[in-house]
Amino acid sequence: MTCDGFRREIRFAATTDSPPNVGITAHLDRCAVCREWLVAERKFSDRLDTFARRIEQARPSAEGLLARLMKRFGL
């Protein structure tokens, strides 16, 4: 995902009640520029602030992710 694509996706997703997708969280993990952009945008937009909080809450810990995958696949 490019930075422009990320920003379009964030703006679209912030207007819906959909949970953050994996591409958004993965891009945020890799791209410091977009993390800084999101922090700056949050100051001016309540919807983006709410969505950014949902992203932070959706990031599972490695143990939690492993447990969810094992549960999903019956391991």
Protein backbone atom coordinates (compact mmCIF):
# COMPACT_ATOMS: atom_id res chain seq x y z
CA MET A 1 0.00 0.00 0.00
CA THR A 2 1.35 3.42 -0.92
CA CYS A 3 1.15 6.43 1.38
CA ASP A 4 -1.52 8.02 -0.84
CA GLY A 5 -3.50 4.79 -0.88
CA PHE A 6 -3.17 4.53 2.87
CA ARG A 7 -4.48 8.05 3.39
CA ARG A 8 -7.44 7.48 1.05
CA GLU A 9 -8.24 4.23 2.84
CA ILE A 10 -8.02 5.91 6.26
CA ARG A 11 -10.33 8.73 5.19
CA PHE A 12 -12.83 6.26 3.72
CA ALA A 13 -12.71 3.88 6.66
CA ALA A 14 -13.07 6.73 9.14
CA THR A 15 -16.43 7.60 7.57
CA THR A 16 -17.75 4.09 8.17
CA ASP A 17 -17.95 1.93 11.24
CA SER A 18 -15.85 -0.81 9.69
CA PRO A 19 -12.93 -2.21 11.66
CA PRO A 20 -9.43 -1.33 10.44
CA ASN A 21 -8.13 -3.76 7.85
CA VAL A 22 -4.80 -5.54 8.00
CA GLY A 23 -3.31 -3.39 5.23
CA ILE A 24 -3.86 -0.23 7.25
CA THR A 25 -2.24 -1.56 10.40
CA ALA A 26 0.64 -3.16 8.47
CA HIS A 27 1.34 0.10 6.64
CA LEU A 28 1.28 2.05 9.91
CA ASP A 29 3.79 -0.38 11.38
CA ARG A 30 6.19 0.26 8.48
CA CYS A 31 5.71 3.93 7.58
CA ALA A 32 6.77 6.66 10.01
CA VAL A 33 5.56 9.37 7.61
CA CYS A 34 2.00 8.05 7.72
CA ARG A 35 2.12 7.61 11.50
CA GLU A 36 3.08 11.28 11.80
CA TRP A 37 0.37 12.24 9.29
CA LEU A 38 -2.27 10.35 11.26
CA VAL A 39 -1.18 11.99 14.53
CA ALA A 40 -1.46 15.43 12.91
CA GLU A 41 -4.83 14.66 11.29
CA ARG A 42 -6.26 13.33 14.55
CA LYS A 43 -5.92 16.79 16.06
CA PHE A 44 -8.36 18.22 13.52
CA SER A 45 -10.81 15.38 12.98
CA ASP A 46 -12.87 13.63 15.63
CA ARG A 47 -13.73 10.84 13.19
CA LEU A 48 -10.07 10.20 12.39
CA ASP A 49 -9.22 10.30 16.07
CA THR A 50 -11.89 7.71 16.81
CA PHE A 51 -10.72 5.54 13.91
CA ALA A 52 -7.07 5.82 14.97
CA ARG A 53 -8.03 4.64 18.45
CA ARG A 54 -9.80 1.66 16.85
CA ILE A 55 -6.60 0.88 14.92
CA GLU A 56 -4.59 0.95 18.13
CA GLN A 57 -7.09 -1.32 19.86
CA ALA A 58 -7.21 -3.71 16.89
CA ARG A 59 -3.48 -4.37 16.89
CA PRO A 60 -3.21 -7.73 18.56
CA SER A 61 -0.21 -8.79 20.53
CA ALA A 62 1.81 -11.62 19.02
CA GLU A 63 0.52 -14.07 21.65
CA GLY A 64 -3.07 -12.95 21.16
CA LEU A 65 -2.77 -13.27 17.39
CA LEU A 66 -1.28 -16.74 17.68
CA ALA A 67 -4.04 -17.82 20.07
CA ARG A 68 -6.74 -16.47 17.74
CA LEU A 69 -5.22 -18.23 14.73
CA MET A 70 -4.93 -21.51 16.63
CA LYS A 71 -8.53 -21.21 17.78
CA ARG A 72 -9.74 -20.32 14.29
CA PHE A 73 -8.03 -23.33 12.71
CA GLY A 74 -8.78 -25.70 15.58
CA LEU A 75 -5.19 -26.27 16.62
